[in-house]
Amino acid sequence: MSVYSSLPLIFPRIAKLGIFISGSKPTRENYCKLEPQTGHAFIDFSQESALNMQIAIILGSIRTGRQSHKIAKFLVRMLQDRPDVEPILLDLAEYDLPLYRERWAEQDPPTPVLASFSQVLKSADALLFISPEYHGSYSGVLKNAVDHFWGEFKQKPIGVVATGSGRFGGINASTEMQQLVLSIGAYPIPQKLLVPFVDRVFDEQGNPTDERLTQQVHDFLQAFLWFSNAIASAKLATPK
């Protein structure tokens, strides 16, 4: 039994809706079929072409001398190696987002940078939030960016990545980010990626110097992509 075919066992609410998963690879072509006896919808993953997922990665660090950009860029490279994934890095240091006063959609006229940021979020199938830990939580610049938007995050899978200069790797920030994901109507994946000693664990080329971190990144991305594919596929099979 593949991880996809076992989805109803893992997500009983999805199974209750009559959405069944078969095969091993998601595809946008012929993704939804009807089981003739029961009339239930199911997703046929037996095709060879893989679902092309867009993943927006929000880097919530703009501090002078920052370190969190190292894990962000490494994640982008890891995802770029997959033919079924299109990562898009949204580095908040490169976006002059205003302080939140009202959602961009309520502005007249809307701020151009917020409108373009919104379009990237809307097109994303899944997201990653990356932040260092500041005073026991995630960065203010990440919160400010998220507060500008709402519907762009609805029912999307979001993974969290936290960094720290100590051995705990931003664990408090990661927990707070998962709560933030729930608060914006999105789905936080259970796994989180923690990067302790972030100022020491990357070489000059931006590669991890600790094999354990490389393995943790691999395991995190595997879980994130599986979860994201499951959510995206269930959406495709659910009548609107």
Protein backbone atom coordinates (compact mmCIF):
# COMPACT_ATOMS: atom_id res chain seq x y z
CA MET A 1 0.00 0.00 0.00
CA SER A 2 1.45 3.38 -0.99
CA VAL A 3 1.33 6.48 1.21
CA TYR A 4 -1.28 7.88 -1.17
CA SER A 5 -3.50 4.80 -1.10
CA SER A 6 -3.46 4.90 2.71
CA LEU A 7 -4.65 8.51 2.84
CA PRO A 8 -8.22 7.62 3.97
CA LEU A 9 -6.75 5.78 6.96
CA ILE A 10 -4.70 8.81 7.93
CA PHE A 11 -7.36 11.42 7.16
CA PRO A 12 -10.66 9.77 8.23
CA ARG A 13 -12.69 12.90 7.51
CA ILE A 14 -11.54 12.75 3.89
CA ALA A 15 -12.50 9.08 3.69
CA LYS A 16 -15.91 9.91 5.16
CA LEU A 17 -16.48 12.28 2.26
CA GLY A 18 -15.95 9.39 -0.13
CA ILE A 19 -12.62 10.52 -1.54
CA PHE A 20 -10.31 7.57 -2.19
CA ILE A 21 -6.72 7.58 -3.34
CA SER A 22 -5.07 5.02 -5.61
CA GLY A 23 -1.71 4.59 -7.33
CA SER A 24 1.49 6.43 -6.50
CA LYS A 25 1.91 9.72 -8.38
CA PRO A 26 -0.37 12.77 -8.51
CA THR A 27 -1.26 14.24 -11.87
CA ARG A 28 -3.42 17.14 -13.00
CA GLU A 29 -4.61 15.19 -16.05
CA ASN A 30 -7.44 12.73 -15.38
CA TYR A 31 -7.01 13.32 -11.66
CA CYS A 32 -10.62 12.72 -10.62
CA LYS A 33 -12.77 9.72 -11.52
CA LEU A 34 -15.97 8.11 -10.26
CA GLU A 35 -16.20 4.61 -8.84
CA PRO A 36 -19.10 3.08 -10.81
CA GLN A 37 -20.64 0.98 -7.99
CA THR A 38 -20.62 3.62 -5.24
CA GLY A 39 -20.41 6.88 -7.17
CA HIS A 40 -17.56 7.95 -4.91
CA ALA A 41 -14.91 10.25 -6.30
CA PHE A 42 -11.34 9.03 -6.27
CA ILE A 43 -8.01 10.32 -7.53
CA ASP A 44 -6.10 8.11 -9.96
CA PHE A 45 -2.37 8.57 -9.46
CA SER A 46 -1.42 5.81 -11.87
CA GLN A 47 -0.27 8.24 -14.57
CA GLU A 48 3.45 8.85 -14.92
CA SER A 49 3.30 12.66 -15.02
CA ALA A 50 3.72 14.22 -11.60
CA LEU A 51 1.73 17.04 -10.11
CA ASN A 52 3.67 20.28 -10.52
CA MET A 53 3.43 22.10 -7.21
CA GLN A 54 4.25 25.74 -6.63
CA ILE A 55 5.71 26.37 -3.19
CA ALA A 56 6.08 29.91 -1.84
CA ILE A 57 8.83 30.26 0.75
CA ILE A 58 8.50 33.34 2.95
CA LEU A 59 11.82 34.29 4.53
CA GLY A 60 10.96 36.30 7.62
CA SER A 61 14.36 37.79 8.40
CA ILE A 62 15.67 41.18 7.34
CA ARG A 63 18.16 41.81 10.16
CA THR A 64 21.63 43.08 9.31
CA GLY A 65 23.95 40.09 9.62
CA ARG A 66 21.05 37.64 9.40
CA GLN A 67 21.67 33.90 9.19
CA SER A 68 18.27 32.39 8.36
CA HIS A 69 18.67 33.09 4.65
CA LYS A 70 21.15 30.20 4.53
CA ILE A 71 18.55 27.53 5.29
CA ALA A 72 16.06 29.31 3.01
CA LYS A 73 18.38 29.16 0.01
CA PHE A 74 19.36 25.58 0.78
CA LEU A 75 15.69 24.57 0.84
CA VAL A 76 15.17 26.30 -2.51
CA ARG A 77 18.05 24.33 -4.03
CA MET A 78 16.76 21.05 -2.61
CA LEU A 79 13.29 21.71 -4.03
CA GLN A 80 14.66 22.81 -7.40
CA ASP A 81 16.19 19.35 -7.77
CA ARG A 82 12.68 17.88 -7.95
CA PRO A 83 11.00 17.98 -11.38
CA ASP A 84 7.52 18.17 -9.82
CA VAL A 85 8.13 21.25 -7.65
CA GLU A 86 8.53 24.96 -8.41
CA PRO A 87 9.85 26.88 -5.36
CA ILE A 88 9.47 30.67 -5.19
CA LEU A 89 11.49 32.53 -2.55
CA LEU A 90 9.77 35.59 -1.07
CA ASP A 91 12.62 37.26 0.78
CA LEU A 92 11.07 40.00 2.91
CA ALA A 93 14.38 41.86 2.81
CA GLU A 94 13.66 42.46 -0.88
CA TYR A 95 10.05 43.57 -0.43
CA ASP A 96 9.32 46.98 1.03
CA LEU A 97 6.05 45.92 2.64
CA PRO A 98 4.34 48.73 4.60
CA LEU A 99 3.37 48.33 8.22
CA TYR A 100 -0.03 46.71 8.43
CA ARG A 101 -2.94 49.14 8.72
CA GLU A 102 -5.53 47.44 6.51
CA ARG A 103 -5.58 44.43 4.21
CA TRP A 104 -4.32 45.25 0.76
CA ALA A 105 -7.60 44.18 -0.86
CA GLU A 106 -9.39 46.92 1.10
CA GLN A 107 -7.01 49.65 -0.07
CA ASP A 108 -8.04 52.12 -2.76
CA PRO A 109 -5.83 52.04 -4.68
CA PRO A 110 -4.01 48.92 -3.45
CA THR A 111 -0.28 49.14 -2.76
CA PRO A 112 1.43 47.61 -5.84
CA VAL A 113 3.97 45.58 -3.86
CA LEU A 114 1.18 44.01 -1.80
CA ALA A 115 -0.83 43.21 -4.93
CA SER A 116 2.12 41.42 -6.54
CA PHE A 117 2.90 39.61 -3.28
CA SER A 118 -0.71 38.48 -3.10
CA GLN A 119 -0.56 37.02 -6.61
CA VAL A 120 2.39 34.81 -5.67
CA LEU A 121 0.60 33.61 -2.54
CA LYS A 122 -2.58 32.87 -4.49
CA SER A 123 -0.75 30.79 -7.08
CA ALA A 124 1.09 28.73 -4.45
CA ASP A 125 -0.16 25.24 -3.67
CA ALA A 126 1.77 25.18 -0.39
CA LEU A 127 4.02 27.47 1.65
CA LEU A 128 6.98 27.46 3.99
CA PHE A 129 7.38 30.05 6.74
CA ILE A 130 10.99 30.62 7.82
CA SER A 131 11.93 32.73 10.82
CA PRO A 132 14.63 33.14 13.43
CA GLU A 133 13.54 33.10 17.04
CA TYR A 134 13.37 36.53 18.67
CA HIS A 135 12.41 36.76 22.34
CA GLY A 136 10.64 33.41 22.33
CA SER A 137 8.65 33.92 19.12
CA TYR A 138 8.97 34.41 15.37
CA SER A 139 9.99 37.69 13.74
CA GLY A 140 7.79 40.76 13.64
CA VAL A 141 8.46 41.22 9.94
CA LEU A 142 6.92 37.80 9.21
CA LYS A 143 3.83 38.62 11.26
CA ASN A 144 3.48 41.97 9.51
CA ALA A 145 3.68 40.29 6.10
CA VAL A 146 1.10 37.65 6.98
CA ASP A 147 -1.33 40.17 8.47
CA HIS A 148 -1.76 41.88 5.10
CA PHE A 149 -3.45 38.78 3.66
CA TRP A 150 -6.16 36.27 4.48
CA GLY A 151 -7.82 34.36 1.64
CA GLU A 152 -4.46 33.69 0.02
CA PHE A 153 -3.68 31.20 2.80
CA LYS A 154 -7.05 29.48 3.09
CA GLN A 155 -6.85 25.67 3.31
CA LYS A 156 -3.24 25.58 2.16
CA PRO A 157 -0.59 23.36 3.75
CA ILE A 158 2.16 25.34 5.43
CA GLY A 159 5.40 24.06 6.92
CA VAL A 160 7.44 26.00 9.46
CA VAL A 161 11.21 26.37 9.70
CA ALA A 162 12.82 28.06 12.70
CA THR A 163 16.43 28.96 13.36
CA GLY A 164 18.37 29.85 16.47
CA SER A 165 21.91 30.58 17.54
CA GLY A 166 21.63 28.04 20.38
CA ARG A 167 20.97 24.33 20.63
CA PHE A 168 17.16 24.59 20.76
CA GLY A 169 16.98 25.81 17.15
CA GLY A 170 14.05 28.21 17.52
CA ILE A 171 11.62 25.66 18.95
CA ASN A 172 9.45 28.35 20.58
CA ALA A 173 9.23 30.28 17.33
CA SER A 174 8.24 27.11 15.47
CA THR A 175 5.37 26.41 17.87
CA GLU A 176 4.15 29.99 17.59
CA MET A 177 4.31 29.80 13.79
CA GLN A 178 2.20 26.64 13.75
CA GLN A 179 -0.40 28.46 15.83
CA LEU A 180 -0.26 31.35 13.34
CA VAL A 181 -0.88 28.92 10.48
CA LEU A 182 -4.02 27.63 12.20
CA SER A 183 -5.20 31.18 12.85
CA ILE A 184 -5.13 32.10 9.16
CA GLY A 185 -7.23 29.11 8.15
CA ALA A 186 -4.37 27.02 6.80
CA TYR A 187 -3.05 23.54 7.64
CA PRO A 188 0.24 23.30 9.57
CA ILE A 189 2.13 20.10 8.87
CA PRO A 190 2.94 18.23 12.11
CA GLN A 191 6.67 18.11 11.41
CA LYS A 192 8.81 21.19 11.88
CA LEU A 193 12.37 21.93 10.83
CA LEU A 194 14.60 23.36 13.56
CA VAL A 195 18.07 24.70 12.73
CA PRO A 196 20.22 25.12 15.86
CA PHE A 197 23.55 26.99 15.77
CA VAL A 198 22.49 28.46 12.44
CA ASP A 199 25.56 30.70 12.34
CA ARG A 200 27.88 27.66 12.38
CA VAL A 201 26.25 24.87 10.38
CA PHE A 202 26.67 26.19 6.82
CA ASP A 203 29.84 26.52 4.79
CA GLU A 204 30.74 29.39 2.45
CA GLN A 205 28.83 27.72 -0.40
CA GLY A 206 25.68 27.55 1.71
CA ASN A 207 25.77 23.81 2.29
CA PRO A 208 25.25 22.20 5.72
CA THR A 209 28.43 21.11 7.44
CA ASP A 210 26.52 18.68 9.65
CA GLU A 211 25.19 15.54 7.95
CA ARG A 212 22.45 15.31 10.55
CA LEU A 213 21.03 18.63 9.38
CA THR A 214 21.11 17.47 5.76
CA GLN A 215 19.13 14.37 6.73
CA GLN A 216 16.68 16.43 8.80
CA VAL A 217 16.07 18.72 5.83
CA HIS A 218 15.49 15.71 3.58
CA ASP A 219 13.05 14.10 6.03
CA PHE A 220 11.21 17.39 6.58
CA LEU A 221 10.78 18.02 2.86
CA GLN A 222 9.57 14.46 2.29
CA ALA A 223 6.90 14.90 4.97
CA PHE A 224 6.02 18.40 3.74
CA LEU A 225 5.61 17.35 0.10
CA TRP A 226 3.59 14.27 1.01
CA PHE A 227 1.26 16.34 3.19
CA SER A 228 0.99 19.07 0.54
CA ASN A 229 0.21 16.57 -2.21
CA ALA A 230 -2.45 14.95 -0.03
CA ILE A 231 -4.18 18.28 0.64
CA ALA A 232 -3.93 19.42 -2.98
CA SER A 233 -5.30 16.13 -4.25
CA ALA A 234 -8.20 16.14 -1.82
CA LYS A 235 -9.10 19.63 -3.00
CA LEU A 236 -9.14 18.48 -6.60
CA ALA A 237 -11.52 15.63 -5.78
CA THR A 238 -13.86 17.71 -3.63
CA PRO A 239 -16.84 19.23 -5.51
CA LYS A 240 -16.91 23.01 -5.29
